Amino acid sequence: MPVTMICPNLKCGRTVVAADSARGKVVRCAHCQALFLVPRDVSRHTRETRPADPAGDEAKRRNP
């Protein structure tokens, strides 16, 4: 499954899609030519895998 990331170059910020075989390798953004490393295990870098807060961050923001 391809890896979809955002270019780390703050002036670019484009979406970069890298092949699954690029995990752990350095790739280049097709737009700005910035080099960056594709993480080996992308799932640990996504929001969905963070442990849920039992109290809920949303509740804390509404009732300080």
N, C-alpha and C. Protein backbone atom coordinates (compact mmCIF):
# COMPACT_ATOMS: atom_id res chain seq x y z
N MET A 1 0.84 -1.17 0.00
CA MET A 1 0.00 0.00 0.00
C MET A 1 0.89 1.24 0.00
N PRO A 2 0.66 2.19 -0.88
CA PRO A 2 1.49 3.40 -0.94
C PRO A 2 1.43 4.20 0.35
N VAL A 3 2.51 4.94 0.60
CA VAL A 3 2.62 5.77 1.79
C VAL A 3 2.34 7.21 1.37
N THR A 4 1.36 7.84 2.01
CA THR A 4 1.01 9.23 1.70
C THR A 4 1.49 10.11 2.84
N MET A 5 2.28 11.13 2.51
CA MET A 5 2.83 12.04 3.51
C MET A 5 2.72 13.46 3.01
N ILE A 6 3.05 14.39 3.88
CA ILE A 6 3.13 15.80 3.52
C ILE A 6 4.60 16.15 3.45
N CYS A 7 5.01 16.86 2.41
CA CYS A 7 6.40 17.28 2.25
C CYS A 7 6.81 18.08 3.48
N PRO A 8 7.94 17.75 4.10
CA PRO A 8 8.38 18.46 5.31
C PRO A 8 8.89 19.88 5.05
N ASN A 9 9.08 20.23 3.79
CA ASN A 9 9.51 21.58 3.46
C ASN A 9 8.34 22.53 3.72
N LEU A 10 8.49 23.43 4.68
CA LEU A 10 7.40 24.31 5.07
C LEU A 10 6.92 25.22 3.94
N LYS A 11 7.78 25.52 3.00
CA LYS A 11 7.39 26.35 1.87
C LYS A 11 6.62 25.56 0.81
N CYS A 12 6.69 24.23 0.89
CA CYS A 12 6.02 23.38 -0.10
C CYS A 12 4.73 22.82 0.49
N GLY A 13 4.84 21.86 1.40
CA GLY A 13 3.68 21.27 2.05
C GLY A 13 2.78 20.44 1.17
N ARG A 14 3.25 20.04 0.01
CA ARG A 14 2.44 19.24 -0.91
C ARG A 14 2.34 17.80 -0.43
N THR A 15 1.35 17.10 -0.93
CA THR A 15 1.18 15.69 -0.62
C THR A 15 2.14 14.88 -1.47
N VAL A 16 2.85 13.96 -0.81
CA VAL A 16 3.81 13.10 -1.49
C VAL A 16 3.34 11.66 -1.30
N VAL A 17 3.25 10.92 -2.38
CA VAL A 17 2.88 9.51 -2.32
C VAL A 17 4.09 8.70 -2.72
N ALA A 18 4.55 7.86 -1.78
CA ALA A 18 5.73 7.03 -2.03
C ALA A 18 5.30 5.56 -2.09
N ALA A 19 5.97 4.79 -2.90
CA ALA A 19 5.67 3.37 -3.00
C ALA A 19 5.96 2.68 -1.68
N ASP A 20 5.30 1.57 -1.43
CA ASP A 20 5.51 0.81 -0.21
C ASP A 20 6.97 0.38 -0.08
N SER A 21 7.62 0.14 -1.20
CA SER A 21 9.02 -0.27 -1.19
C SER A 21 9.97 0.85 -0.77
N ALA A 22 9.47 2.09 -0.66
CA ALA A 22 10.30 3.23 -0.26
C ALA A 22 10.40 3.37 1.25
N ARG A 23 9.68 2.55 2.02
CA ARG A 23 9.75 2.64 3.48
C ARG A 23 11.19 2.48 3.95
N GLY A 24 11.63 3.40 4.80
CA GLY A 24 12.99 3.37 5.33
C GLY A 24 14.02 3.97 4.40
N LYS A 25 13.59 4.52 3.28
CA LYS A 25 14.51 5.10 2.31
C LYS A 25 14.29 6.61 2.18
N VAL A 26 15.26 7.28 1.62
CA VAL A 26 15.16 8.71 1.37
C VAL A 26 14.50 8.92 0.02
N VAL A 27 13.50 9.79 -0.01
CA VAL A 27 12.80 10.12 -1.25
C VAL A 27 12.86 11.62 -1.49
N ARG A 28 12.51 12.02 -2.68
CA ARG A 28 12.55 13.43 -3.06
C ARG A 28 11.15 13.90 -3.42
N CYS A 29 10.77 15.06 -2.92
CA CYS A 29 9.48 15.66 -3.29
C CYS A 29 9.55 16.03 -4.77
N ALA A 30 8.55 15.64 -5.52
CA ALA A 30 8.53 15.91 -6.96
C ALA A 30 8.37 17.40 -7.26
N HIS A 31 7.82 18.16 -6.32
CA HIS A 31 7.58 19.57 -6.57
C HIS A 31 8.78 20.45 -6.20
N CYS A 32 9.28 20.31 -4.95
CA CYS A 32 10.34 21.21 -4.47
C CYS A 32 11.72 20.56 -4.41
N GLN A 33 11.79 19.27 -4.66
CA GLN A 33 13.05 18.50 -4.68
C GLN A 33 13.65 18.30 -3.28
N ALA A 34 12.91 18.56 -2.22
CA ALA A 34 13.41 18.33 -0.86
C ALA A 34 13.56 16.83 -0.61
N LEU A 35 14.61 16.45 0.10
CA LEU A 35 14.85 15.06 0.45
C LEU A 35 14.33 14.80 1.86
N PHE A 36 13.70 13.64 2.05
CA PHE A 36 13.27 13.26 3.39
C PHE A 36 13.11 11.75 3.47
N LEU A 37 13.10 11.25 4.70
CA LEU A 37 13.04 9.82 4.96
C LEU A 37 11.59 9.37 5.10
N VAL A 38 11.25 8.28 4.41
CA VAL A 38 9.93 7.67 4.56
C VAL A 38 10.02 6.74 5.77
N PRO A 39 9.16 6.92 6.77
CA PRO A 39 9.22 6.06 7.95
C PRO A 39 8.97 4.60 7.60
N ARG A 40 9.64 3.71 8.32
CA ARG A 40 9.44 2.27 8.09
C ARG A 40 8.03 1.86 8.49
N ASP A 41 7.60 2.29 9.68
CA ASP A 41 6.27 1.94 10.18
C ASP A 41 5.45 3.21 10.23
N VAL A 42 4.71 3.47 9.19
CA VAL A 42 3.94 4.71 9.08
C VAL A 42 2.82 4.76 10.11
N SER A 43 2.26 3.64 10.48
CA SER A 43 1.11 3.63 11.39
C SER A 43 1.41 4.29 12.72
N ARG A 44 2.63 4.22 13.20
CA ARG A 44 2.93 4.84 14.50
C ARG A 44 3.01 6.36 14.41
N HIS A 45 3.00 6.91 13.21
CA HIS A 45 3.07 8.35 13.02
C HIS A 45 1.72 8.97 12.72
N THR A 46 0.69 8.17 12.74
CA THR A 46 -0.63 8.71 12.41
C THR A 46 -1.45 8.95 13.66
N ARG A 47 -2.43 9.79 13.54
CA ARG A 47 -3.29 10.13 14.67
C ARG A 47 -4.09 8.94 15.18
N GLU A 48 -4.55 8.09 14.30
CA GLU A 48 -5.46 7.02 14.67
C GLU A 48 -4.84 6.05 15.66
N THR A 49 -3.53 5.94 15.72
CA THR A 49 -2.91 4.95 16.59
C THR A 49 -2.56 5.49 17.97
N ARG A 50 -2.79 6.78 18.21
CA ARG A 50 -2.52 7.32 19.54
C ARG A 50 -3.51 6.72 20.53
N PRO A 51 -3.04 6.41 21.75
CA PRO A 51 -3.99 5.87 22.73
C PRO A 51 -5.05 6.91 23.07
N ALA A 52 -6.25 6.46 23.23
CA ALA A 52 -7.35 7.37 23.54
C ALA A 52 -7.23 7.83 24.99
N ASP A 53 -7.53 9.09 25.21
CA ASP A 53 -7.53 9.65 26.56
C ASP A 53 -8.87 9.31 27.20
N PRO A 54 -8.86 8.56 28.31
CA PRO A 54 -10.14 8.16 28.91
C PRO A 54 -11.01 9.34 29.30
N ALA A 55 -10.40 10.44 29.77
CA ALA A 55 -11.18 11.61 30.16
C ALA A 55 -11.63 12.39 28.94
N GLY A 56 -10.92 12.25 27.88
CA GLY A 56 -11.27 12.93 26.63
C GLY A 56 -10.72 14.34 26.58
N ASP A 57 -9.86 14.60 25.62
CA ASP A 57 -9.30 15.94 25.43
C ASP A 57 -10.39 16.95 25.13
N GLU A 58 -11.42 16.52 24.40
CA GLU A 58 -12.51 17.41 24.04
C GLU A 58 -13.24 17.93 25.28
N ALA A 59 -13.46 17.06 26.24
CA ALA A 59 -14.14 17.45 27.46
C ALA A 59 -13.30 18.46 28.26
N LYS A 60 -12.00 18.30 28.26
CA LYS A 60 -11.11 19.22 28.97
C LYS A 60 -11.15 20.60 28.34
N ARG A 61 -11.24 20.66 27.03
CA ARG A 61 -11.26 21.94 26.36
C ARG A 61 -12.58 22.69 26.61
N ARG A 62 -13.66 21.95 26.70
CA ARG A 62 -14.96 22.59 26.92
C ARG A 62 -15.15 23.03 28.36
N ASN A 63 -14.64 22.24 29.31
CA ASN A 63 -14.82 22.55 30.74
C ASN A 63 -13.48 22.67 31.44
N PRO A 64 -12.82 23.83 31.35
CA PRO A 64 -11.48 23.96 31.94
C PRO A 64 -11.50 23.92 33.44
